[in-house]
C-alpha atoms as a PDB file:
ATOM      1  CA  MET A   1     -24.374 -76.408  41.871  1.00  0.00           C
ATOM      2  CA  LYS A   2     -25.557 -78.756  45.243  1.00  0.00           C
ATOM      3  CA  LYS A   3     -26.111 -82.163  43.400  1.00  0.00           C
ATOM      4  CA  GLU A   4     -29.523 -83.234  44.543  1.00  0.00           C
ATOM      5  CA  ILE A   5     -29.959 -86.269  46.479  1.00  0.00           C
ATOM      6  CA  GLU A   6     -30.978 -89.447  45.205  1.00  0.00           C
ATOM      7  CA  GLU A   7     -32.120 -92.564  46.988  1.00  0.00           C
ATOM      8  CA  LYS A   8     -28.654 -94.384  45.576  1.00  0.00           C
ATOM      9  CA  ASP A   9     -27.412 -91.904  48.120  1.00  0.00           C
ATOM     10  CA  ILE A  10     -28.526 -92.321  51.059  1.00  0.00           C
ATOM     11  CA  GLN A  11     -26.207 -94.681  53.561  1.00  0.00           C
ATOM     12  CA  GLY A  12     -26.247 -96.057  56.788  1.00  0.00           C
ATOM     13  CA  GLY A  13     -30.000 -97.579  56.530  1.00  0.00           C
ATOM     14  CA  LYS A  14     -28.511-100.888  58.349  1.00  0.00           C
ATOM     15  CA  TYR A  15     -27.146 -98.663  60.979  1.00  0.00           C
ATOM     16  CA  VAL A  16     -30.588 -96.742  61.278  1.00  0.00           C
ATOM     17  CA  LYS A  17     -32.750 -99.474  61.909  1.00  0.00           C
ATOM     18  CA  ARG A  18     -30.895-101.094  64.358  1.00  0.00           C
ATOM     19  CA  PHE A  19     -30.195 -97.802  65.984  1.00  0.00           C
ATOM     20  CA  LEU A  20     -34.230 -97.559  66.149  1.00  0.00           C
ATOM     21  CA  SER A  21     -34.941-100.277  67.620  1.00  0.00           C
ATOM     22  CA  VAL A  22     -33.112 -99.873  70.444  1.00  0.00           C
ATOM     23  CA  ILE A  23     -34.880 -96.081  70.531  1.00  0.00           C
ATOM     24  CA  GLY A  24     -38.375 -97.187  70.083  1.00  0.00           C
ATOM     25  CA  LYS A  25     -37.557-100.282  73.412  1.00  0.00           C
ATOM     26  CA  ILE A  26     -36.396 -97.385  75.207  1.00  0.00           C
ATOM     27  CA  ARG A  27     -39.353 -94.957  73.795  1.00  0.00           C
ATOM     28  CA  SER A  28     -42.000 -97.893  75.435  1.00  0.00           C
ATOM     29  CA  VAL A  29     -40.681 -97.076  78.777  1.00  0.00           C
ATOM     30  CA  ALA A  30     -41.553 -93.423  78.166  1.00  0.00           C
ATOM     31  CA  GLU A  31     -44.780 -94.169  76.934  1.00  0.00           C
ATOM     32  CA  SER A  32     -46.631 -92.841  80.160  1.00  0.00           C
ATOM     33  CA  GLU A  33     -44.834 -89.059  79.813  1.00  0.00           C
ATOM     34  CA  PRO A  34     -47.704 -86.637  78.357  1.00  0.00           C
ATOM     35  CA  ARG A  35     -46.557 -85.606  74.868  1.00  0.00           C
ATOM     36  CA  ASP A  36     -47.770 -82.069  73.369  1.00  0.00           C
ATOM     37  CA  PRO A  37     -50.241 -83.105  70.466  1.00  0.00           C
ATOM     38  CA  ARG A  38     -48.732 -80.250  68.382  1.00  0.00           C
ATOM     39  CA  ARG A  39     -45.810 -82.365  68.193  1.00  0.00           C
ATOM     40  CA  GLU A  40     -45.340 -83.442  64.319  1.00  0.00           C
ATOM     41  CA  LEU A  41     -41.970 -85.084  64.833  1.00  0.00           C
ATOM     42  CA  ASP A  42     -40.888 -88.112  67.009  1.00  0.00           C
ATOM     43  CA  ILE A  43     -37.465 -88.719  68.327  1.00  0.00           C
ATOM     44  CA  GLU A  44     -37.108 -91.844  66.443  1.00  0.00           C
ATOM     45  CA  GLN A  45     -37.614 -89.355  63.628  1.00  0.00           C
ATOM     46  CA  LEU A  46     -35.082 -86.914  64.717  1.00  0.00           C
ATOM     47  CA  ALA A  47     -32.629 -89.303  65.417  1.00  0.00           C
ATOM     48  CA  GLY A  48     -33.050 -91.629  61.928  1.00  0.00           C
ATOM     49  CA  HIS A  49     -33.095 -88.109  59.986  1.00  0.00           C
ATOM     50  CA  LEU A  50     -29.622 -86.708  61.564  1.00  0.00           C
ATOM     51  CA  LEU A  51     -28.364 -90.376  61.871  1.00  0.00           C
ATOM     52  CA  PHE A  52     -28.432 -90.375  57.741  1.00  0.00           C
ATOM     53  CA  PHE A  53     -26.502 -86.759  57.948  1.00  0.00           C
ATOM     54  CA  TYR A  54     -23.685 -88.468  59.371  1.00  0.00           C
ATOM     55  CA  TYR A  55     -23.787 -91.629  56.946  1.00  0.00           C
ATOM     56  CA  THR A  56     -24.520 -89.935  53.469  1.00  0.00           C
ATOM     57  CA  PRO A  57     -21.959 -87.602  52.313  1.00  0.00           C
ATOM     58  CA  VAL A  58     -24.056 -85.414  49.948  1.00  0.00           C
ATOM     59  CA  VAL A  59     -26.684 -84.647  53.274  1.00  0.00           C
ATOM     60  CA  THR A  60     -24.807 -81.331  54.730  1.00  0.00           C
ATOM     61  CA  SER A  61     -27.200 -79.278  56.233  1.00  0.00           C
ATOM     62  CA  LEU A  62     -30.558 -79.485  57.305  1.00  0.00           C
ATOM     63  CA  ARG A  63     -32.501 -78.421  54.261  1.00  0.00           C
ATOM     64  CA  ALA A  64     -30.636 -81.643  52.760  1.00  0.00           C
ATOM     65  CA  ILE A  65     -32.046 -83.320  55.790  1.00  0.00           C
ATOM     66  CA  GLN A  66     -35.394 -82.049  54.635  1.00  0.00           C
ATOM     67  CA  HIS A  67     -34.533 -83.047  50.957  1.00  0.00           C
ATOM     68  CA  ALA A  68     -33.583 -86.567  52.039  1.00  0.00           C
ATOM     69  CA  SER A  69     -36.881 -87.169  54.131  1.00  0.00           C
ATOM     70  CA  GLU A  70     -38.912 -86.778  50.890  1.00  0.00           C
ATOM     71  CA  LEU A  71     -36.828 -90.005  49.556  1.00  0.00           C
ATOM     72  CA  LYS A  72     -39.290 -93.233  49.623  1.00  0.00           C
ATOM     73  CA  LYS A  73     -36.028 -95.084  50.923  1.00  0.00           C
ATOM     74  CA  VAL A  74     -35.619 -92.869  53.955  1.00  0.00           C
ATOM     75  CA  GLN A  75     -39.382 -92.993  54.539  1.00  0.00           C
ATOM     76  CA  ARG A  76     -39.541 -96.223  54.550  1.00  0.00           C
ATOM     77  CA  LEU A  77     -36.440 -96.409  56.688  1.00  0.00           C
ATOM     78  CA  LEU A  78     -37.771 -94.410  59.336  1.00  0.00           C
ATOM     79  CA  ASP A  79     -42.029 -95.332  59.178  1.00  0.00           C
ATOM     80  CA  ALA A  80     -42.259 -91.590  58.693  1.00  0.00           C
ATOM     81  CA  SER A  81     -43.032 -89.418  55.944  1.00  0.00           C
ATOM     82  CA  ARG A  82     -41.877 -85.708  54.467  1.00  0.00           C
ATOM     83  CA  ALA A  83     -40.100 -84.195  57.606  1.00  0.00           C
ATOM     84  CA  ALA A  84     -41.271 -80.304  57.405  1.00  0.00           C
ATOM     85  CA  LEU A  85     -38.334 -78.192  57.851  1.00  0.00           C
ATOM     86  CA  GLY A  86     -39.706 -76.068  60.783  1.00  0.00           C
ATOM     87  CA  SER A  87     -40.430 -79.076  62.432  1.00  0.00           C
ATOM     88  CA  LEU A  88     -36.332 -79.843  62.245  1.00  0.00           C
ATOM     89  CA  SER A  89     -35.145 -76.173  63.153  1.00  0.00           C
ATOM     90  CA  GLU A  90     -37.627 -76.346  65.964  1.00  0.00           C
ATOM     91  CA  ALA A  91     -36.683 -79.943  67.141  1.00  0.00           C
END
């Protein structure tokens, strides 16, 4: 039986915030690029979710990343709402 992911299990928030600040600077340069309005998941959010995958041992699958995205701590750090499983797998 797999363990349910909880707020206390999430690790690496400090590193995720630093990385996202760098990505944000890069994104400001690339803002002129046209973007598909149907795309719901930003590159910053995807990168943040993947970093939580690497820093948090209990996050072991794409579905676990999606479950972690439902936690308030992750949403606050990534400044995003819950990620849809389809958006994650498509990205």
